[in-house]
Amino acid sequence: MRKIFIILLVIAFLFTFMNIHHQKIVHAQDRGRFYVIGTGPSGPQMATIQALETIKQVNAIIASNDHVELFADYVGNKPILFDPWEGLFYYKGKSLHQLTAQERTEFMKQRRLIIDDRIMQIMNLLAEGKNVGLLDNGNPCLFAPCQWYVEQFDSVDVVIIPGMGSDAAAMAALGKSVIPAYSTRFVIQTSPFYLLDHTIGDDHLLKDLAKYPATIIQYMALQMPEKLFATLSKVYPPDMPCAVVYWAGYSDKQRIVRGTIADMGSKLLKEEEKYMGLLLIGRFLEGKPYGAAMSQSKLNLK
């Protein structure tokens, strides 16, 4: 009797599994998919074959004008639904960090309405069996605004195509190992607005992190360089090396500005570009960091 019960239980499980699997197949045939395509930092030369093939195969594209132009050979004559970033970062000509409390409240309401309207457009197309592709720079899962859209969908409707981030392009430009590097224990990837709050003045977390050797990679770090480095100088030595890789991955625009905690703020203040640059801080920028780390590791094993 017990054997019969077990056999029936197994049959019930298999039937349920096959039914779920069948539902997923039906779903795939009946509905379209929302493809979030990581295109790398600078155009087709930094994108994967998977990303390029997906752009060619979807039915409609969501992208900025610049992105469409960069990938024109792959986008072809597909309809462009909208620029996914328009209206999400600025309000009445001011950036999010410049808004008053009242303006910020109004802006957040307006942004919610904009996103909701766009989500509905995408959902309607998926319901028609159309595949929609959103082009996002770099890595779509690291400081990527595409997540505003992704999180509004059921996971079965979304396919994320990975892309190389600007951090990888910047590291290649610098030609150094960020880890292992000397005694570095970890790599911190963040933004001043997360690490130090929106005023870039709260250094309590930074003081804790500075106790341990680390490489720091900061996004969106060029808007208030003097204030940023004034705060960093409270916890890091003045000779700590820094570098900003502008337009990482763009062969015709990429350049590097090097300095230290002591002088980098004044150097960056003279730069016109306040967005397309990645800030890297750490001892890895000097000497032979990987070799030194490996030598130290051997010593530790004795």
Foldseek 3Di string as FASTA:
>chain_A
DVVVVVVVVVVVVVVVVVVVVVVLVVLLQQFAAEEEAAQEQAAVVQGDPVRLVVLQPFQAEEADPVHCVRNVVSNPPHHHDYHVCPLPADDPRHGLLPDDPVSNVVSVVVNVVVLVVVLVVVRVRRNRVGYYYYYWYAACVPPHPCVSNVVVDDVSRYDYHGGHHLVVLVCVVLVWDQPPFQQADEEAEEACCVQCNSVSARCPSVQVVLVGAHKYKYALHLPQLVSNLVNVVVRDPFAWKKKKWFSRPHPVDTDMDIDGSNCPSVVSVPDPDRHRIMMMTHPRSDDHGVVNSVVVVVVVVD
